[in-house]
Amino acid sequence: MKRQLLTLASALVLAVLFCSAAWAGMVAQGKCIEYDQVAKTIKIEEYDTHFTPENKYGTPTGTITVFDVSEAKIGIIPEAGDILRIAYSGDTKKYMAVKVMNVSKQDLFKK
């Protein structure tokens, strides 16, 4: 009985751990090209995760992505040239931003 209970508890823990990856959202980081407050969209040039002293936020990939921010929580208002981190959901046709963080104006590296 004890063995069955231990096996069941282990299976439950593993199931929760495997499902947690599905709960994680997607994140993009890059330079703000345009923030259209009327259309409620943000266009960024995405950065990769290759950090160097010259590119402390990552290296530009050349990929331009547009996010719908109509329902997103936006911290410091982004301007062209700011580095943004955007948590989003959606398919490849339309990305819905959940949260927009202005990394360059709220620089955590300075702390």
PDB file of N, CA and C in Angstrom:
ATOM      1  N   MET A   1       0.827  -1.197   0.000  1.00  0.00           N
ATOM      2  CA  MET A   1       0.000   0.000   0.000  1.00  0.00           C
ATOM      3  C   MET A   1       0.869   1.259   0.000  1.00  0.00           C
ATOM      4  N   LYS A   2       1.926   1.207   0.817  1.00  0.00           N
ATOM      5  CA  LYS A   2       2.821   2.348   0.914  1.00  0.00           C
ATOM      6  C   LYS A   2       3.522   2.597  -0.426  1.00  0.00           C
ATOM      7  N   ARG A   3       3.886   1.519  -1.092  1.00  0.00           N
ATOM      8  CA  ARG A   3       4.570   1.622  -2.386  1.00  0.00           C
ATOM      9  C   ARG A   3       3.640   2.231  -3.440  1.00  0.00           C
ATOM     10  N   GLN A   4       2.388   1.827  -3.449  1.00  0.00           N
ATOM     11  CA  GLN A   4       1.419   2.368  -4.407  1.00  0.00           C
ATOM     12  C   GLN A   4       1.190   3.854  -4.161  1.00  0.00           C
ATOM     13  N   LEU A   5       1.113   4.242  -2.908  1.00  0.00           N
ATOM     14  CA  LEU A   5       0.919   5.647  -2.559  1.00  0.00           C
ATOM     15  C   LEU A   5       2.123   6.486  -2.999  1.00  0.00           C
ATOM     16  N   LEU A   6       3.319   5.969  -2.793  1.00  0.00           N
ATOM     17  CA  LEU A   6       4.536   6.660  -3.210  1.00  0.00           C
ATOM     18  C   LEU A   6       4.602   6.779  -4.734  1.00  0.00           C
ATOM     19  N   THR A   7       4.227   5.731  -5.438  1.00  0.00           N
ATOM     20  CA  THR A   7       4.212   5.758  -6.906  1.00  0.00           C
ATOM     21  C   THR A   7       3.194   6.769  -7.415  1.00  0.00           C
ATOM     22  N   LEU A   8       2.029   6.792  -6.819  1.00  0.00           N
ATOM     23  CA  LEU A   8       0.990   7.739  -7.213  1.00  0.00           C
ATOM     24  C   LEU A   8       1.430   9.180  -6.954  1.00  0.00           C
ATOM     25  N   ALA A   9       2.045   9.431  -5.812  1.00  0.00           N
ATOM     26  CA  ALA A   9       2.527  10.778  -5.491  1.00  0.00           C
ATOM     27  C   ALA A   9       3.631  11.202  -6.454  1.00  0.00           C
ATOM     28  N   SER A  10       4.523  10.294  -6.789  1.00  0.00           N
ATOM     29  CA  SER A  10       5.596  10.603  -7.743  1.00  0.00           C
ATOM     30  C   SER A  10       5.030  10.923  -9.122  1.00  0.00           C
ATOM     31  N   ALA A  11       4.045  10.163  -9.553  1.00  0.00           N
ATOM     32  CA  ALA A  11       3.420  10.411 -10.854  1.00  0.00           C
ATOM     33  C   ALA A  11       2.726  11.768 -10.875  1.00  0.00           C
ATOM     34  N   LEU A  12       2.091  12.130  -9.785  1.00  0.00           N
ATOM     35  CA  LEU A  12       1.420  13.426  -9.697  1.00  0.00           C
ATOM     36  C   LEU A  12       2.428  14.573  -9.771  1.00  0.00           C
ATOM     37  N   VAL A  13       3.532  14.443  -9.061  1.00  0.00           N
ATOM     38  CA  VAL A  13       4.576  15.474  -9.093  1.00  0.00           C
ATOM     39  C   VAL A  13       5.147  15.606 -10.500  1.00  0.00           C
ATOM     40  N   LEU A  14       5.421  14.505 -11.159  1.00  0.00           N
ATOM     41  CA  LEU A  14       5.948  14.551 -12.528  1.00  0.00           C
ATOM     42  C   LEU A  14       4.948  15.176 -13.494  1.00  0.00           C
ATOM     43  N   ALA A  15       3.681  14.867 -13.337  1.00  0.00           N
ATOM     44  CA  ALA A  15       2.660  15.450 -14.213  1.00  0.00           C
ATOM     45  C   ALA A  15       2.608  16.965 -14.058  1.00  0.00           C
ATOM     46  N   VAL A  16       2.688  17.445 -12.837  1.00  0.00           N
ATOM     47  CA  VAL A  16       2.677  18.893 -12.597  1.00  0.00           C
ATOM     48  C   VAL A  16       3.920  19.541 -13.194  1.00  0.00           C
ATOM     49  N   LEU A  17       5.071  18.914 -13.042  1.00  0.00           N
ATOM     50  CA  LEU A  17       6.305  19.467 -13.600  1.00  0.00           C
ATOM     51  C   LEU A  17       6.258  19.526 -15.124  1.00  0.00           C
ATOM     52  N   PHE A  18       5.737  18.496 -15.761  1.00  0.00           N
ATOM     53  CA  PHE A  18       5.654  18.496 -17.224  1.00  0.00           C
ATOM     54  C   PHE A  18       4.641  19.516 -17.728  1.00  0.00           C
ATOM     55  N   CYS A  19       3.576  19.724 -16.992  1.00  0.00           N
ATOM     56  CA  CYS A  19       2.562  20.700 -17.405  1.00  0.00           C
ATOM     57  C   CYS A  19       3.028  22.133 -17.201  1.00  0.00           C
ATOM     58  N   SER A  20       3.956  22.355 -16.294  1.00  0.00           N
ATOM     59  CA  SER A  20       4.393  23.725 -16.026  1.00  0.00           C
ATOM     60  C   SER A  20       5.047  24.360 -17.246  1.00  0.00           C
ATOM     61  N   ALA A  21       5.665  23.570 -18.103  1.00  0.00           N
ATOM     62  CA  ALA A  21       6.249  24.113 -19.334  1.00  0.00           C
ATOM     63  C   ALA A  21       5.158  24.640 -20.258  1.00  0.00           C
ATOM     64  N   ALA A  22       4.008  24.034 -20.235  1.00  0.00           N
ATOM     65  CA  ALA A  22       2.899  24.495 -21.074  1.00  0.00           C
ATOM     66  C   ALA A  22       2.311  25.797 -20.546  1.00  0.00           C
ATOM     67  N   TRP A  23       2.444  26.058 -19.257  1.00  0.00           N
ATOM     68  CA  TRP A  23       1.908  27.282 -18.673  1.00  0.00           C
ATOM     69  C   TRP A  23       2.807  28.483 -18.924  1.00  0.00           C
ATOM     70  N   ALA A  24       4.056  28.231 -19.248  1.00  0.00           N
ATOM     71  CA  ALA A  24       5.003  29.333 -19.448  1.00  0.00           C
ATOM     72  C   ALA A  24       4.639  30.112 -20.709  1.00  0.00           C
ATOM     73  N   GLY A  25       4.726  31.427 -20.623  1.00  0.00           N
ATOM     74  CA  GLY A  25       4.441  32.271 -21.775  1.00  0.00           C
ATOM     75  C   GLY A  25       5.680  32.474 -22.624  1.00  0.00           C
ATOM     76  N   MET A  26       5.483  33.088 -23.757  1.00  0.00           N
ATOM     77  CA  MET A  26       6.596  33.383 -24.649  1.00  0.00           C
ATOM     78  C   MET A  26       7.057  34.813 -24.395  1.00  0.00           C
ATOM     79  N   VAL A  27       8.343  35.056 -24.609  1.00  0.00           N
ATOM     80  CA  VAL A  27       8.923  36.371 -24.357  1.00  0.00           C
ATOM     81  C   VAL A  27       9.787  36.772 -25.541  1.00  0.00           C
ATOM     82  N   ALA A  28       9.660  38.031 -25.944  1.00  0.00           N
ATOM     83  CA  ALA A  28      10.512  38.600 -26.989  1.00  0.00           C
ATOM     84  C   ALA A  28      11.181  39.838 -26.427  1.00  0.00           C
ATOM     85  N   GLN A  29      12.405  40.065 -26.864  1.00  0.00           N
ATOM     86  CA  GLN A  29      13.119  41.266 -26.446  1.00  0.00           C
ATOM     87  C   GLN A  29      13.749  41.890 -27.671  1.00  0.00           C
ATOM     88  N   GLY A  30      13.689  43.211 -27.742  1.00  0.00           N
ATOM     89  CA  GLY A  30      14.297  43.890 -28.875  1.00  0.00           C
ATOM     90  C   GLY A  30      14.105  45.391 -28.819  1.00  0.00           C
ATOM     91  N   LYS A  31      14.577  46.038 -29.876  1.00  0.00           N
ATOM     92  CA  LYS A  31      14.520  47.502 -29.963  1.00  0.00           C
ATOM     93  C   LYS A  31      13.171  47.928 -30.527  1.00  0.00           C
ATOM     94  N   CYS A  32      12.543  48.887 -29.864  1.00  0.00           N
ATOM     95  CA  CYS A  32      11.261  49.424 -30.313  1.00  0.00           C
ATOM     96  C   CYS A  32      11.476  50.234 -31.586  1.00  0.00           C
ATOM     97  N   ILE A  33      10.773  49.872 -32.620  1.00  0.00           N
ATOM     98  CA  ILE A  33      10.825  50.618 -33.874  1.00  0.00           C
ATOM     99  C   ILE A  33       9.688  51.625 -33.914  1.00  0.00           C
ATOM    100  N   GLU A  34       8.511  51.175 -33.454  1.00  0.00           N
ATOM    101  CA  GLU A  34       7.340  52.051 -33.504  1.00  0.00           C
ATOM    102  C   GLU A  34       6.327  51.626 -32.445  1.00  0.00           C
ATOM    103  N   TYR A  35       5.762  52.614 -31.758  1.00  0.00           N
ATOM    104  CA  TYR A  35       4.656  52.379 -30.835  1.00  0.00           C
ATOM    105  C   TYR A  35       3.496  53.230 -31.309  1.00  0.00           C
ATOM    106  N   ASP A  36       2.469  52.574 -31.833  1.00  0.00           N
ATOM    107  CA  ASP A  36       1.294  53.264 -32.357  1.00  0.00           C
ATOM    108  C   ASP A  36       0.191  53.188 -31.301  1.00  0.00           C
ATOM    109  N   GLN A  37      -0.049  54.308 -30.609  1.00  0.00           N
ATOM    110  CA  GLN A  37      -1.042  54.317 -29.535  1.00  0.00           C
ATOM    111  C   GLN A  37      -2.470  54.259 -30.064  1.00  0.00           C
ATOM    112  N   VAL A  38      -2.686  54.720 -31.295  1.00  0.00           N
ATOM    113  CA  VAL A  38      -4.032  54.681 -31.876  1.00  0.00           C
ATOM    114  C   VAL A  38      -4.392  53.249 -32.277  1.00  0.00           C
ATOM    115  N   ALA A  39      -3.490  52.589 -33.018  1.00  0.00           N
ATOM    116  CA  ALA A  39      -3.733  51.210 -33.451  1.00  0.00           C
ATOM    117  C   ALA A  39      -3.430  50.202 -32.349  1.00  0.00           C
ATOM    118  N   LYS A  40      -2.801  50.669 -31.253  1.00  0.00           N
ATOM    119  CA  LYS A  40      -2.419  49.833 -30.119  1.00  0.00           C
ATOM    120  C   LYS A  40      -1.526  48.670 -30.556  1.00  0.00           C
ATOM    121  N   THR A  41      -0.439  49.031 -31.259  1.00  0.00           N
ATOM    122  CA  THR A  41       0.546  48.042 -31.681  1.00  0.00           C
ATOM    123  C   THR A  41       1.952  48.536 -31.364  1.00  0.00           C
ATOM    124  N   ILE A  42       2.841  47.589 -31.170  1.00  0.00           N
ATOM    125  CA  ILE A  42       4.263  47.878 -30.995  1.00  0.00           C
ATOM    126  C   ILE A  42       5.021  47.024 -31.997  1.00  0.00           C
ATOM    127  N   LYS A  43       5.948  47.663 -32.697  1.00  0.00           N
ATOM    128  CA  LYS A  43       6.803  46.961 -33.652  1.00  0.00           C
ATOM    129  C   LYS A  43       8.221  46.974 -33.094  1.00  0.00           C
ATOM    130  N   ILE A  44       8.830  45.774 -32.989  1.00  0.00           N
ATOM    131  CA  ILE A  44      10.199  45.689 -32.480  1.00  0.00           C
ATOM    132  C   ILE A  44      11.084  44.902 -33.448  1.00  0.00           C
ATOM    133  N   GLU A  45      12.385  45.184 -33.369  1.00  0.00           N
ATOM    134  CA  GLU A  45      13.387  44.336 -34.015  1.00  0.00           C
ATOM    135  C   GLU A  45      13.902  43.418 -32.919  1.00  0.00           C
ATOM    136  N   GLU A  46      13.672  42.121 -33.086  1.00  0.00           N
ATOM    137  CA  GLU A  46      14.005  41.170 -32.027  1.00  0.00           C
ATOM    138  C   GLU A  46      15.507  40.996 -31.860  1.00  0.00           C
ATOM    139  N   TYR A  47      15.902  40.736 -30.608  1.00  0.00           N
ATOM    140  CA  TYR A  47      17.290  40.445 -30.258  1.00  0.00           C
ATOM    141  C   TYR A  47      17.385  38.977 -29.855  1.00  0.00           C
ATOM    142  N   ASP A  48      18.568  38.393 -30.037  1.00  0.00           N
ATOM    143  CA  ASP A  48      18.773  37.029 -29.565  1.00  0.00           C
ATOM    144  C   ASP A  48      19.306  37.062 -28.129  1.00  0.00           C
ATOM    145  N   THR A  49      19.725  35.920 -27.624  1.00  0.00           N
ATOM    146  CA  THR A  49      20.197  35.854 -26.240  1.00  0.00           C
ATOM    147  C   THR A  49      21.715  35.766 -26.161  1.00  0.00           C
ATOM    148  N   HIS A  50      22.396  36.214 -27.201  1.00  0.00           N
ATOM    149  CA  HIS A  50      23.866  36.235 -27.197  1.00  0.00           C
ATOM    150  C   HIS A  50      24.315  37.587 -26.654  1.00  0.00           C
ATOM    151  N   PHE A  51      24.601  37.637 -25.352  1.00  0.00           N
ATOM    152  CA  PHE A  51      24.960  38.881 -24.682  1.00  0.00           C
ATOM    153  C   PHE A  51      26.470  39.094 -24.745  1.00  0.00           C
ATOM    154  N   THR A  52      26.871  40.301 -25.088  1.00  0.00           N
ATOM    155  CA  THR A  52      28.281  40.683 -25.119  1.00  0.00           C
ATOM    156  C   THR A  52      28.406  42.049 -24.445  1.00  0.00           C
ATOM    157  N   PRO A  53      29.624  42.482 -24.126  1.00  0.00           N
ATOM    158  CA  PRO A  53      29.770  43.828 -23.550  1.00  0.00           C
ATOM    159  C   PRO A  53      29.255  44.923 -24.488  1.00  0.00           C
ATOM    160  N   GLU A  54      29.374  44.715 -25.793  1.00  0.00           N
ATOM    161  CA  GLU A  54      28.880  45.706 -26.754  1.00  0.00           C
ATOM    162  C   GLU A  54      27.363  45.633 -26.901  1.00  0.00           C
ATOM    163  N   ASN A  55      26.803  44.431 -26.787  1.00  0.00           N
ATOM    164  CA  ASN A  55      25.356  44.213 -26.937  1.00  0.00           C
ATOM    165  C   ASN A  55      24.821  43.584 -25.653  1.00  0.00           C
ATOM    166  N   LYS A  56      24.663  44.402 -24.614  1.00  0.00           N
ATOM    167  CA  LYS A  56      24.276  43.845 -23.317  1.00  0.00           C
ATOM    168  C   LYS A  56      22.833  43.353 -23.270  1.00  0.00           C
ATOM    169  N   TYR A  57      22.021  43.710 -24.264  1.00  0.00           N
ATOM    170  CA  TYR A  57      20.641  43.221 -24.322  1.00  0.00           C
ATOM    171  C   TYR A  57      20.471  42.120 -25.358  1.00  0.00           C
ATOM    172  N   GLY A  58      21.532  41.723 -26.035  1.00  0.00           N
ATOM    173  CA  GLY A  58      21.461  40.709 -27.076  1.00  0.00           C
ATOM    174  C   GLY A  58      21.823  41.311 -28.420  1.00  0.00           C
ATOM    175  N   THR A  59      22.029  40.441 -29.396  1.00  0.00           N
ATOM    176  CA  THR A  59      22.412  40.867 -30.737  1.00  0.00           C
ATOM    177  C   THR A  59      21.167  40.976 -31.609  1.00  0.00           C
ATOM    178  N   PRO A  60      21.012  42.048 -32.382  1.00  0.00           N
ATOM    179  CA  PRO A  60      19.851  42.174 -33.269  1.00  0.00           C
ATOM    180  C   PRO A  60      19.798  41.034 -34.287  1.00  0.00           C
ATOM    181  N   THR A  61      18.608  40.473 -34.484  1.00  0.00           N
ATOM    182  CA  THR A  61      18.444  39.365 -35.425  1.00  0.00           C
ATOM    183  C   THR A  61      17.938  39.826 -36.783  1.00  0.00           C
ATOM    184  N   GLY A  62      17.394  41.030 -36.856  1.00  0.00           N
ATOM    185  CA  GLY A  62      16.814  41.509 -38.103  1.00  0.00           C
ATOM    186  C   GLY A  62      15.352  41.120 -38.267  1.00  0.00           C
ATOM    187  N   THR A  63      14.820  40.345 -37.329  1.00  0.00           N
ATOM    188  CA  THR A  63      13.420  39.932 -37.374  1.00  0.00           C
ATOM    189  C   THR A  63      12.545  41.051 -36.821  1.00  0.00           C
ATOM    190  N   ILE A  64      11.600  41.508 -37.624  1.00  0.00           N
ATOM    191  CA  ILE A  64      10.661  42.555 -37.208  1.00  0.00           C
ATOM    192  C   ILE A  64       9.345  41.882 -36.821  1.00  0.00           C
ATOM    193  N   THR A  65       8.856  42.177 -35.623  1.00  0.00           N
ATOM    194  CA  THR A  65       7.626  41.571 -35.126  1.00  0.00           C
ATOM    195  C   THR A  65       6.692  42.662 -34.622  1.00  0.00           C
ATOM    196  N   VAL A  66       5.402  42.489 -34.910  1.00  0.00           N
ATOM    197  CA  VAL A  66       4.377  43.442 -34.472  1.00  0.00           C
ATOM    198  C   VAL A  66       3.508  42.759 -33.419  1.00  0.00           C
ATOM    199  N   PHE A  67       3.286  43.452 -32.309  1.00  0.00           N
ATOM    200  CA  PHE A  67       2.484  42.934 -31.206  1.00  0.00           C
ATOM    201  C   PHE A  67       1.259  43.806 -30.998  1.00  0.00           C
ATOM    202  N   ASP A  68       0.119  43.164 -30.753  1.00  0.00           N
ATOM    203  CA  ASP A  68      -1.109  43.866 -30.385  1.00  0.00           C
ATOM    204  C   ASP A  68      -1.045  44.119 -28.882  1.00  0.00           C
ATOM    205  N   VAL A  69      -1.070  45.388 -28.476  1.00  0.00           N
ATOM    206  CA  VAL A  69      -0.957  45.734 -27.055  1.00  0.00           C
ATOM    207  C   VAL A  69      -2.260  46.312 -26.505  1.00  0.00           C
ATOM    208  N   SER A  70      -3.376  46.011 -27.159  1.00  0.00           N
ATOM    209  CA  SER A  70      -4.657  46.588 -26.751  1.00  0.00           C
ATOM    210  C   SER A  70      -5.070  46.168 -25.341  1.00  0.00           C
ATOM    211  N   GLU A  71      -4.657  44.980 -24.904  1.00  0.00           N
ATOM    212  CA  GLU A  71      -5.031  44.506 -23.569  1.00  0.00           C
ATOM    213  C   GLU A  71      -3.817  44.305 -22.670  1.00  0.00           C
ATOM    214  N   ALA A  72      -2.663  44.811 -23.072  1.00  0.00           N
ATOM    215  CA  ALA A  72      -1.421  44.566 -22.334  1.00  0.00           C
ATOM    216  C   ALA A  72      -1.224  45.561 -21.202  1.00  0.00           C
ATOM    217  N   LYS A  73      -0.521  45.116 -20.181  1.00  0.00           N
ATOM    218  CA  LYS A  73      -0.056  46.015 -19.124  1.00  0.00           C
ATOM    219  C   LYS A  73       1.249  46.615 -19.623  1.00  0.00           C
ATOM    220  N   ILE A  74       1.303  47.932 -19.690  1.00  0.00           N
ATOM    221  CA  ILE A  74       2.494  48.618 -20.186  1.00  0.00           C
ATOM    222  C   ILE A  74       3.072  49.433 -19.045  1.00  0.00           C
ATOM    223  N   GLY A  75       4.345  49.200 -18.755  1.00  0.00           N
ATOM    224  CA  GLY A  75       5.021  49.944 -17.692  1.00  0.00           C
ATOM    225  C   GLY A  75       5.350  51.346 -18.169  1.00  0.00           C
ATOM    226  N   ILE A  76       6.620  51.647 -18.301  1.00  0.00           N
ATOM    227  CA  ILE A  76       7.067  52.948 -18.798  1.00  0.00           C
ATOM    228  C   ILE A  76       6.759  53.013 -20.290  1.00  0.00           C
ATOM    229  N   ILE A  77       6.126  54.091 -20.726  1.00  0.00           N
ATOM    230  CA  ILE A  77       5.702  54.227 -22.123  1.00  0.00           C
ATOM    231  C   ILE A  77       6.914  54.107 -23.051  1.00  0.00           C
ATOM    232  N   PRO A  78       6.855  53.177 -24.017  1.00  0.00           N
ATOM    233  CA  PRO A  78       7.996  52.989 -24.916  1.00  0.00           C
ATOM    234  C   PRO A  78       8.081  54.065 -25.991  1.00  0.00           C
ATOM    235  N   GLU A  79       9.315  54.349 -26.381  1.00  0.00           N
ATOM    236  CA  GLU A  79       9.594  55.257 -27.488  1.00  0.00           C
ATOM    237  C   GLU A  79      10.499  54.523 -28.460  1.00  0.00           C
ATOM    238  N   ALA A  80      10.583  55.019 -29.683  1.00  0.00           N
ATOM    239  CA  ALA A  80      11.464  54.409 -30.679  1.00  0.00           C
ATOM    240  C   ALA A  80      12.892  54.406 -30.152  1.00  0.00           C
ATOM    241  N   GLY A  81      13.551  53.260 -30.265  1.00  0.00           N
ATOM    242  CA  GLY A  81      14.925  53.121 -29.799  1.00  0.00           C
ATOM    243  C   GLY A  81      15.051  52.470 -28.437  1.00  0.00           C
ATOM    244  N   ASP A  82      13.966  52.415 -27.664  1.00  0.00           N
ATOM    245  CA  ASP A  82      14.006  51.768 -26.353  1.00  0.00           C
ATOM    246  C   ASP A  82      14.097  50.251 -26.516  1.00  0.00           C
ATOM    247  N   ILE A  83      14.724  49.607 -25.545  1.00  0.00           N
ATOM    248  CA  ILE A  83      14.782  48.149 -25.517  1.00  0.00           C
ATOM    249  C   ILE A  83      13.588  47.665 -24.701  1.00  0.00           C
ATOM    250  N   LEU A  84      12.768  46.804 -25.320  1.00  0.00           N
ATOM    251  CA  LEU A  84      11.553  46.311 -24.678  1.00  0.00           C
ATOM    252  C   LEU A  84      11.628  44.805 -24.486  1.00  0.00           C
ATOM    253  N   ARG A  85      10.999  44.339 -23.414  1.00  0.00           N
ATOM    254  CA  ARG A  85      10.792  42.911 -23.202  1.00  0.00           C
ATOM    255  C   ARG A  85       9.285  42.718 -23.164  1.00  0.00           C
ATOM    256  N   ILE A  86       8.785  41.856 -24.050  1.00  0.00           N
ATOM    257  CA  ILE A  86       7.341  41.683 -24.200  1.00  0.00           C
ATOM    258  C   ILE A  86       6.969  40.230 -23.930  1.00  0.00           C
ATOM    259  N   ALA A  87       6.106  40.023 -22.942  1.00  0.00           N
ATOM    260  CA  ALA A  87       5.520  38.710 -22.702  1.00  0.00           C
ATOM    261  C   ALA A  87       4.249  38.647 -23.536  1.00  0.00           C
ATOM    262  N   TYR A  88       4.098  37.569 -24.313  1.00  0.00           N
ATOM    263  CA  TYR A  88       2.979  37.514 -25.251  1.00  0.00           C
ATOM    264  C   TYR A  88       2.434  36.106 -25.396  1.00  0.00           C
ATOM    265  N   SER A  89       1.278  36.030 -26.027  1.00  0.00           N
ATOM    266  CA  SER A  89       0.669  34.752 -26.377  1.00  0.00           C
ATOM    267  C   SER A  89       0.100  34.892 -27.778  1.00  0.00           C
ATOM    268  N   GLY A  90      -0.225  33.782 -28.376  1.00  0.00           N
ATOM    269  CA  GLY A  90      -0.819  33.834 -29.705  1.00  0.00           C
ATOM    270  C   GLY A  90      -0.138  32.915 -30.683  1.00  0.00           C
ATOM    271  N   ASP A  91      -0.704  32.874 -31.878  1.00  0.00           N
ATOM    272  CA  ASP A  91      -0.138  32.043 -32.929  1.00  0.00           C
ATOM    273  C   ASP A  91       0.788  32.888 -33.803  1.00  0.00           C
ATOM    274  N   THR A  92       1.188  32.352 -34.946  1.00  0.00           N
ATOM    275  CA  THR A  92       2.140  33.064 -35.805  1.00  0.00           C
ATOM    276  C   THR A  92       1.492  34.194 -36.587  1.00  0.00           C
ATOM    277  N   LYS A  93       0.172  34.273 -36.615  1.00  0.00           N
ATOM    278  CA  LYS A  93      -0.495  35.333 -37.376  1.00  0.00           C
ATOM    279  C   LYS A  93      -0.669  36.607 -36.551  1.00  0.00           C
ATOM    280  N   LYS A  94      -0.953  36.459 -35.254  1.00  0.00           N
ATOM    281  CA  LYS A  94      -1.176  37.634 -34.416  1.00  0.00           C
ATOM    282  C   LYS A  94      -0.651  37.364 -33.014  1.00  0.00           C
ATOM    283  N   TYR A  95       0.235  38.237 -32.570  1.00  0.00           N
ATOM    284  CA  TYR A  95       0.799  38.124 -31.233  1.00  0.00           C
ATOM    285  C   TYR A  95       0.100  39.119 -30.316  1.00  0.00           C
ATOM    286  N   MET A  96      -0.476  38.617 -29.230  1.00  0.00           N
ATOM    287  CA  MET A  96      -1.151  39.451 -28.243  1.00  0.00           C
ATOM    288  C   MET A  96      -0.217  39.642 -27.052  1.00  0.00           C
ATOM    289  N   ALA A  97       0.231  40.871 -26.851  1.00  0.00           N
ATOM    290  CA  ALA A  97       1.118  41.164 -25.729  1.00  0.00           C
ATOM    291  C   ALA A  97       0.328  41.107 -24.428  1.00  0.00           C
ATOM    292  N   VAL A  98       0.936  40.529 -23.420  1.00  0.00           N
ATOM    293  CA  VAL A  98       0.343  40.466 -22.092  1.00  0.00           C
ATOM    294  C   VAL A  98       0.950  41.554 -21.212  1.00  0.00           C
ATOM    295  N   LYS A  99       2.274  41.733 -21.350  1.00  0.00           N
ATOM    296  CA  LYS A  99       2.982  42.724 -20.547  1.00  0.00           C
ATOM    297  C   LYS A  99       4.138  43.285 -21.358  1.00  0.00           C
ATOM    298  N   VAL A 100       4.320  44.606 -21.282  1.00  0.00           N
ATOM    299  CA  VAL A 100       5.414  45.283 -21.979  1.00  0.00           C
ATOM    300  C   VAL A 100       6.289  45.959 -20.938  1.00  0.00           C
ATOM    301  N   MET A 101       7.566  45.569 -20.907  1.00  0.00           N
ATOM    302  CA  MET A 101       8.514  46.130 -19.951  1.00  0.00           C
ATOM    303  C   MET A 101       9.566  46.928 -20.710  1.00  0.00           C
ATOM    304  N   ASN A 102       9.781  48.153 -20.313  1.00  0.00           N
ATOM    305  CA  ASN A 102      10.775  49.013 -20.949  1.00  0.00           C
ATOM    306  C   ASN A 102      12.103  48.790 -20.231  1.00  0.00           C
ATOM    307  N   VAL A 103      12.937  47.924 -20.802  1.00  0.00           N
ATOM    308  CA  VAL A 103      14.177  47.516 -20.148  1.00  0.00           C
ATOM    309  C   VAL A 103      15.195  48.647 -20.118  1.00  0.00           C
ATOM    310  N   SER A 104      15.273  49.432 -21.176  1.00  0.00           N
ATOM    311  CA  SER A 104      16.303  50.474 -21.235  1.00  0.00           C
ATOM    312  C   SER A 104      16.033  51.618 -20.257  1.00  0.00           C
ATOM    313  N   LYS A 105      14.778  51.907 -19.958  1.00  0.00           N
ATOM    314  CA  LYS A 105      14.464  52.979 -19.007  1.00  0.00           C
ATOM    315  C   LYS A 105      14.311  52.465 -17.583  1.00  0.00           C
ATOM    316  N   GLN A 106      14.274  51.177 -17.433  1.00  0.00           N
ATOM    317  CA  GLN A 106      14.186  50.553 -16.117  1.00  0.00           C
ATOM    318  C   GLN A 106      15.323  49.540 -16.059  1.00  0.00           C
ATOM    319  N   ASP A 107      16.537  50.016 -16.251  1.00  0.00           N
ATOM    320  CA  ASP A 107      17.703  49.159 -16.416  1.00  0.00           C
ATOM    321  C   ASP A 107      18.072  48.480 -15.103  1.00  0.00           C
ATOM    322  N   LEU A 108      17.944  47.157 -15.079  1.00  0.00           N
ATOM    323  CA  LEU A 108      18.278  46.398 -13.881  1.00  0.00           C
ATOM    324  C   LEU A 108      19.777  46.171 -13.749  1.00  0.00           C
ATOM    325  N   PHE A 109      20.535  46.391 -14.829  1.00  0.00           N
ATOM    326  CA  PHE A 109      21.985  46.235 -14.768  1.00  0.00           C
ATOM    327  C   PHE A 109      22.621  47.325 -13.915  1.00  0.00           C
ATOM    328  N   LYS A 110      21.969  48.465 -13.766  1.00  0.00           N
ATOM    329  CA  LYS A 110      22.532  49.592 -13.021  1.00  0.00           C
ATOM    330  C   LYS A 110      22.443  49.392 -11.515  1.00  0.00           C
ATOM    331  N   LYS A 111      21.589  48.476 -11.065  1.00  0.00           N
ATOM    332  CA  LYS A 111      21.387  48.271  -9.625  1.00  0.00           C
ATOM    333  C   LYS A 111      22.472  47.408  -9.036  1.00  0.00           C
TER     334      LYS A 111
END
